[in-house]
N, C-alpha and C. Protein backbone atom coordinates (compact mmCIF):
# COMPACT_ATOMS: atom_id res chain seq x y z
N GLN A 1 112.48 111.42 102.32
CA GLN A 1 113.38 111.77 101.25
C GLN A 1 113.68 110.54 100.39
N ALA A 2 113.76 109.38 101.03
CA ALA A 2 114.01 108.16 100.27
C ALA A 2 112.85 107.88 99.31
N LEU A 3 111.62 108.06 99.80
CA LEU A 3 110.45 107.86 98.95
C LEU A 3 110.52 108.78 97.73
N LEU A 4 110.86 110.02 97.96
CA LEU A 4 110.97 110.99 96.87
C LEU A 4 112.03 110.53 95.86
N GLY A 5 113.14 110.03 96.36
CA GLY A 5 114.19 109.54 95.46
C GLY A 5 113.71 108.38 94.60
N PHE A 6 113.02 107.43 95.22
CA PHE A 6 112.50 106.31 94.45
C PHE A 6 111.47 106.77 93.42
N GLN A 7 110.68 107.77 93.78
CA GLN A 7 109.69 108.28 92.83
C GLN A 7 110.38 108.93 91.63
N PHE A 8 111.45 109.65 91.88
CA PHE A 8 112.20 110.26 90.78
C PHE A 8 112.79 109.19 89.87
N VAL A 9 113.39 108.17 90.46
CA VAL A 9 114.02 107.10 89.69
C VAL A 9 112.98 106.37 88.84
N GLY A 10 111.78 106.19 89.38
CA GLY A 10 110.74 105.48 88.65
C GLY A 10 110.42 106.11 87.30
N VAL A 11 110.49 107.42 87.23
CA VAL A 11 110.17 108.12 85.99
C VAL A 11 111.23 107.84 84.92
N LEU A 12 112.43 107.49 85.33
CA LEU A 12 113.53 107.29 84.39
C LEU A 12 113.59 105.89 83.80
N THR A 13 112.69 105.01 84.21
CA THR A 13 112.72 103.63 83.71
C THR A 13 111.85 103.48 82.46
N ASP A 14 112.14 102.44 81.70
CA ASP A 14 111.33 102.14 80.51
C ASP A 14 109.91 101.76 80.90
N ALA A 15 109.77 101.11 82.06
CA ALA A 15 108.44 100.69 82.51
C ALA A 15 107.51 101.87 82.70
N PHE A 16 108.04 103.01 83.11
CA PHE A 16 107.21 104.20 83.31
C PHE A 16 106.53 104.60 82.01
N ASP A 17 107.28 104.54 80.92
CA ASP A 17 106.72 104.91 79.61
C ASP A 17 105.60 103.98 79.16
N ARG A 18 105.59 102.76 79.68
CA ARG A 18 104.56 101.79 79.29
C ARG A 18 103.31 101.87 80.17
N LEU A 19 103.35 102.68 81.23
CA LEU A 19 102.16 102.82 82.07
C LEU A 19 101.08 103.58 81.32
N PRO A 20 99.81 103.34 81.65
CA PRO A 20 98.74 104.16 81.08
C PRO A 20 98.95 105.62 81.47
N ALA A 21 98.49 106.52 80.63
CA ALA A 21 98.68 107.96 80.88
C ALA A 21 98.15 108.35 82.25
N GLY A 22 97.00 107.80 82.64
CA GLY A 22 96.42 108.14 83.94
C GLY A 22 97.34 107.76 85.09
N SER A 23 97.97 106.61 85.00
CA SER A 23 98.90 106.17 86.05
C SER A 23 100.14 107.05 86.08
N ARG A 24 100.61 107.46 84.91
CA ARG A 24 101.77 108.37 84.88
C ARG A 24 101.42 109.69 85.54
N HIS A 25 100.22 110.18 85.28
CA HIS A 25 99.79 111.45 85.90
C HIS A 25 99.65 111.32 87.41
N VAL A 26 99.10 110.20 87.86
CA VAL A 26 98.98 109.97 89.30
C VAL A 26 100.37 109.91 89.93
N HIS A 27 101.30 109.26 89.27
CA HIS A 27 102.66 109.17 89.80
C HIS A 27 103.29 110.56 89.91
N VAL A 28 103.15 111.37 88.89
CA VAL A 28 103.72 112.73 88.92
C VAL A 28 103.07 113.55 90.03
N ALA A 29 101.75 113.43 90.20
CA ALA A 29 101.08 114.14 91.29
C ALA A 29 101.60 113.64 92.64
N SER A 30 101.82 112.35 92.76
CA SER A 30 102.36 111.78 94.00
C SER A 30 103.77 112.29 94.25
N LEU A 31 104.56 112.38 93.21
CA LEU A 31 105.91 112.90 93.33
C LEU A 31 105.88 114.34 93.82
N LEU A 32 105.01 115.15 93.26
CA LEU A 32 104.90 116.55 93.69
C LEU A 32 104.46 116.64 95.16
N LEU A 33 103.51 115.81 95.55
CA LEU A 33 103.08 115.82 96.95
C LEU A 33 104.19 115.35 97.88
N SER A 34 105.01 114.41 97.43
CA SER A 34 106.15 113.98 98.23
C SER A 34 107.16 115.12 98.40
N ALA A 35 107.38 115.88 97.33
CA ALA A 35 108.29 117.03 97.41
C ALA A 35 107.76 118.06 98.40
N VAL A 36 106.46 118.31 98.37
CA VAL A 36 105.85 119.24 99.32
C VAL A 36 106.01 118.70 100.74
N THR A 37 105.79 117.40 100.92
CA THR A 37 105.90 116.78 102.25
C THR A 37 107.32 116.93 102.80
N VAL A 38 108.31 116.62 101.97
CA VAL A 38 109.70 116.74 102.42
C VAL A 38 110.01 118.19 102.80
N THR A 39 109.53 119.13 102.01
CA THR A 39 109.73 120.54 102.33
C THR A 39 109.11 120.89 103.67
N LEU A 40 107.89 120.44 103.90
CA LEU A 40 107.21 120.72 105.17
C LEU A 40 107.92 120.08 106.36
N LEU A 41 108.50 118.90 106.16
CA LEU A 41 109.18 118.22 107.26
C LEU A 41 110.54 118.84 107.59
N ILE A 42 111.19 119.43 106.60
CA ILE A 42 112.50 120.04 106.81
C ILE A 42 112.37 121.49 107.28
N ALA A 43 111.27 122.14 106.96
CA ALA A 43 111.09 123.56 107.28
C ALA A 43 111.27 123.89 108.76
N PRO A 44 110.76 123.07 109.71
CA PRO A 44 110.96 123.43 111.12
C PRO A 44 112.43 123.55 111.52
N ALA A 45 113.28 122.70 110.98
CA ALA A 45 114.70 122.78 111.32
C ALA A 45 115.30 124.09 110.82
N ALA A 46 114.94 124.49 109.61
CA ALA A 46 115.44 125.75 109.07
C ALA A 46 114.92 126.93 109.90
N PHE A 47 113.64 126.90 110.23
CA PHE A 47 113.06 127.97 111.05
C PHE A 47 113.76 128.04 112.41
N HIS A 48 113.98 126.90 113.00
CA HIS A 48 114.62 126.82 114.31
C HIS A 48 116.01 127.47 114.28
N ARG A 49 116.76 127.19 113.24
CA ARG A 49 118.11 127.73 113.16
C ARG A 49 118.13 129.20 112.76
N LEU A 50 117.28 129.57 111.82
CA LEU A 50 117.32 130.94 111.30
C LEU A 50 116.54 131.94 112.16
N ALA A 51 115.32 131.60 112.51
CA ALA A 51 114.48 132.56 113.24
C ALA A 51 114.71 132.52 114.74
N GLU A 52 114.97 131.34 115.26
CA GLU A 52 115.10 131.19 116.72
C GLU A 52 116.55 131.03 117.18
N ARG A 53 117.48 131.08 116.23
CA ARG A 53 118.92 130.94 116.53
C ARG A 53 119.22 129.68 117.36
N GLY A 54 118.46 128.62 117.07
CA GLY A 54 118.69 127.35 117.74
C GLY A 54 118.06 127.22 119.11
N GLU A 55 117.34 128.22 119.56
CA GLU A 55 116.70 128.19 120.89
C GLU A 55 115.33 127.53 120.79
N ALA A 56 114.98 126.77 121.81
CA ALA A 56 113.65 126.18 121.90
C ALA A 56 112.70 127.24 122.46
N THR A 57 111.71 127.62 121.67
CA THR A 57 110.77 128.66 122.10
C THR A 57 109.34 128.18 121.87
N PRO A 58 108.37 128.81 122.54
CA PRO A 58 106.97 128.47 122.26
C PRO A 58 106.61 128.67 120.78
N ARG A 59 107.15 129.72 120.18
CA ARG A 59 106.85 129.98 118.76
C ARG A 59 107.40 128.83 117.91
N GLN A 60 108.61 128.36 118.25
CA GLN A 60 109.20 127.23 117.51
C GLN A 60 108.29 126.01 117.59
N LEU A 61 107.76 125.74 118.76
CA LEU A 61 106.86 124.60 118.93
C LEU A 61 105.61 124.78 118.07
N ARG A 62 105.02 125.96 118.06
CA ARG A 62 103.82 126.22 117.24
C ARG A 62 104.12 126.05 115.75
N VAL A 63 105.23 126.64 115.30
CA VAL A 63 105.60 126.56 113.89
C VAL A 63 105.88 125.11 113.49
N SER A 64 106.64 124.40 114.31
CA SER A 64 106.97 123.01 114.01
C SER A 64 105.72 122.15 113.95
N THR A 65 104.82 122.37 114.89
CA THR A 65 103.56 121.62 114.91
C THR A 65 102.75 121.88 113.64
N ALA A 66 102.68 123.13 113.23
CA ALA A 66 101.92 123.47 112.02
C ALA A 66 102.51 122.80 110.79
N PHE A 67 103.83 122.84 110.66
CA PHE A 67 104.46 122.19 109.51
C PHE A 67 104.26 120.68 109.56
N LEU A 68 104.40 120.09 110.73
CA LEU A 68 104.21 118.64 110.85
C LEU A 68 102.78 118.24 110.49
N LEU A 69 101.81 118.98 111.01
CA LEU A 69 100.41 118.66 110.68
C LEU A 69 100.15 118.81 109.18
N ALA A 70 100.72 119.84 108.57
CA ALA A 70 100.55 120.01 107.12
C ALA A 70 101.16 118.83 106.36
N SER A 71 102.31 118.34 106.83
CA SER A 71 102.93 117.20 106.15
C SER A 71 102.10 115.93 106.32
N MET A 72 101.35 115.85 107.43
CA MET A 72 100.48 114.69 107.64
C MET A 72 99.27 114.73 106.71
N VAL A 73 99.00 115.87 106.12
CA VAL A 73 97.93 115.97 105.13
C VAL A 73 98.44 115.59 103.75
N THR A 74 99.68 115.97 103.43
CA THR A 74 100.19 115.74 102.07
C THR A 74 100.84 114.38 101.87
N LEU A 75 101.38 113.78 102.92
CA LEU A 75 102.06 112.49 102.75
C LEU A 75 101.13 111.34 102.36
N PRO A 76 99.97 111.17 103.01
CA PRO A 76 99.11 110.04 102.63
C PRO A 76 98.70 110.00 101.15
N PRO A 77 98.26 111.12 100.56
CA PRO A 77 97.94 111.01 99.12
C PRO A 77 99.17 110.78 98.26
N ALA A 78 100.32 111.26 98.70
CA ALA A 78 101.56 110.98 97.95
C ALA A 78 101.83 109.49 97.92
N MET A 79 101.71 108.85 99.08
CA MET A 79 101.98 107.41 99.15
C MET A 79 100.89 106.58 98.50
N THR A 80 99.65 106.93 98.73
CA THR A 80 98.57 106.11 98.18
C THR A 80 98.39 106.34 96.68
N GLY A 81 98.83 107.48 96.19
CA GLY A 81 98.81 107.68 94.74
C GLY A 81 99.72 106.67 94.05
N ASP A 82 100.91 106.53 94.59
CA ASP A 82 101.82 105.54 94.00
C ASP A 82 101.37 104.11 94.30
N LEU A 83 100.72 103.90 95.44
CA LEU A 83 100.13 102.59 95.71
C LEU A 83 99.11 102.25 94.62
N PHE A 84 98.30 103.22 94.22
CA PHE A 84 97.35 103.03 93.12
C PHE A 84 98.08 102.57 91.86
N VAL A 85 99.18 103.26 91.53
CA VAL A 85 99.93 102.92 90.32
C VAL A 85 100.46 101.49 90.39
N VAL A 86 101.00 101.10 91.54
CA VAL A 86 101.58 99.76 91.69
C VAL A 86 100.49 98.69 91.61
N VAL A 87 99.38 98.91 92.32
CA VAL A 87 98.30 97.90 92.30
C VAL A 87 97.69 97.81 90.91
N ARG A 88 97.54 98.94 90.24
CA ARG A 88 96.99 98.91 88.88
C ARG A 88 97.92 98.14 87.94
N LYS A 89 99.21 98.38 88.08
CA LYS A 89 100.19 97.67 87.24
C LYS A 89 100.19 96.17 87.55
N ALA A 90 100.11 95.82 88.83
CA ALA A 90 100.17 94.42 89.23
C ALA A 90 98.91 93.64 88.88
N THR A 91 97.75 94.30 88.93
CA THR A 91 96.48 93.59 88.73
C THR A 91 95.79 93.93 87.42
N ASP A 92 96.26 94.98 86.77
CA ASP A 92 95.62 95.48 85.55
C ASP A 92 94.17 95.86 85.80
N SER A 93 93.88 96.32 87.02
CA SER A 93 92.52 96.70 87.38
C SER A 93 92.51 98.08 88.02
N GLY A 94 91.99 99.06 87.27
CA GLY A 94 91.86 100.40 87.81
C GLY A 94 90.92 100.48 89.00
N PRO A 95 89.73 99.85 88.91
CA PRO A 95 88.82 99.92 90.06
C PRO A 95 89.40 99.29 91.33
N LEU A 96 90.07 98.15 91.20
CA LEU A 96 90.68 97.53 92.38
C LEU A 96 91.78 98.43 92.94
N ALA A 97 92.60 98.98 92.07
CA ALA A 97 93.67 99.87 92.51
C ALA A 97 93.10 101.09 93.23
N ALA A 98 92.03 101.65 92.69
CA ALA A 98 91.40 102.81 93.33
C ALA A 98 90.83 102.45 94.69
N ALA A 99 90.22 101.28 94.79
CA ALA A 99 89.65 100.85 96.07
C ALA A 99 90.74 100.63 97.12
N VAL A 100 91.83 99.98 96.72
CA VAL A 100 92.92 99.73 97.66
C VAL A 100 93.53 101.06 98.11
N ALA A 101 93.82 101.93 97.16
CA ALA A 101 94.42 103.23 97.49
C ALA A 101 93.50 104.05 98.39
N ALA A 102 92.22 104.07 98.07
CA ALA A 102 91.27 104.82 98.89
C ALA A 102 91.19 104.26 100.30
N GLY A 103 91.16 102.94 100.40
CA GLY A 103 91.11 102.31 101.72
C GLY A 103 92.33 102.63 102.56
N VAL A 104 93.50 102.58 101.95
CA VAL A 104 94.73 102.90 102.69
C VAL A 104 94.77 104.39 103.03
N LEU A 105 94.28 105.24 102.14
CA LEU A 105 94.22 106.68 102.43
C LEU A 105 93.33 106.95 103.65
N VAL A 106 92.18 106.31 103.69
CA VAL A 106 91.28 106.45 104.84
C VAL A 106 91.97 105.92 106.10
N LEU A 107 92.68 104.81 105.98
CA LEU A 107 93.40 104.25 107.12
C LEU A 107 94.44 105.24 107.66
N PHE A 108 95.23 105.83 106.76
CA PHE A 108 96.20 106.83 107.17
C PHE A 108 95.54 107.92 108.02
N TYR A 109 94.53 108.55 107.45
CA TYR A 109 93.90 109.68 108.14
C TYR A 109 93.20 109.24 109.42
N ALA A 110 92.58 108.07 109.39
CA ALA A 110 91.89 107.58 110.59
C ALA A 110 92.88 107.33 111.72
N VAL A 111 93.98 106.67 111.42
CA VAL A 111 94.96 106.35 112.47
C VAL A 111 95.69 107.61 112.94
N TRP A 112 95.97 108.52 112.04
CA TRP A 112 96.74 109.70 112.40
C TRP A 112 95.91 110.78 113.09
N PHE A 113 94.64 110.94 112.70
CA PHE A 113 93.88 112.08 113.20
C PHE A 113 92.76 111.72 114.17
N VAL A 114 92.13 110.57 114.02
CA VAL A 114 90.98 110.25 114.87
C VAL A 114 91.36 110.09 116.34
N PRO A 115 92.41 109.35 116.69
CA PRO A 115 92.72 109.22 118.12
C PRO A 115 92.97 110.57 118.80
N GLY A 116 93.71 111.44 118.15
CA GLY A 116 93.96 112.77 118.71
C GLY A 116 92.69 113.58 118.84
N ALA A 117 91.82 113.49 117.85
CA ALA A 117 90.55 114.22 117.91
C ALA A 117 89.67 113.68 119.03
N VAL A 118 89.67 112.38 119.23
CA VAL A 118 88.87 111.78 120.31
C VAL A 118 89.38 112.25 121.67
N VAL A 119 90.69 112.22 121.86
CA VAL A 119 91.26 112.68 123.13
C VAL A 119 90.92 114.14 123.37
N ARG A 120 91.05 114.96 122.34
CA ARG A 120 90.75 116.39 122.48
C ARG A 120 89.28 116.60 122.84
N LEU A 121 88.37 115.88 122.19
CA LEU A 121 86.95 116.02 122.50
C LEU A 121 86.65 115.59 123.94
N ARG A 122 87.27 114.52 124.38
CA ARG A 122 87.06 114.07 125.76
C ARG A 122 87.57 115.10 126.75
N GLN A 123 88.69 115.71 126.46
CA GLN A 123 89.23 116.73 127.35
C GLN A 123 88.32 117.96 127.40
N GLN A 124 87.74 118.31 126.28
CA GLN A 124 86.86 119.48 126.24
C GLN A 124 85.55 119.23 126.99
N ARG A 125 85.12 117.99 127.05
CA ARG A 125 83.85 117.65 127.72
C ARG A 125 83.99 117.53 129.22
N ARG A 126 85.22 117.37 129.70
CA ARG A 126 85.43 117.24 131.14
C ARG A 126 85.13 118.57 131.83
N PRO A 127 84.45 118.48 132.98
CA PRO A 127 84.21 119.72 133.72
C PRO A 127 85.53 120.25 134.29
N ALA A 128 85.63 121.56 134.35
CA ALA A 128 86.84 122.19 134.90
C ALA A 128 86.97 121.84 136.38
N ALA A 129 88.17 121.51 136.80
CA ALA A 129 88.39 121.12 138.19
C ALA A 129 88.62 122.33 139.08
């Protein structure tokens, strides 16, 4: 939520108006993805209270997991989109900014999803006891 707040404030500054149009568009797309991410992260609490009446249930765990995984898809491009804008502003280099943002985006997904996928694959390959 703090990231979303900073993204909103950024649009209200004079510096935002001086950014290249492409950077402004990337920032707005990042802001929208941050809003989606915050919604996905808060949704399990609402579901828990409204649908499950505060009880811990298997369905609650499934729903919460789905929302969390979805937020793990939307948060990295939200953050790296704005990273692109900052690096482009700091270096005046679109290609460098794109390379840095892409590298960090790959890092996010690699760290967040690859270890879990590796563990799952290893578990599936083990013979049943």
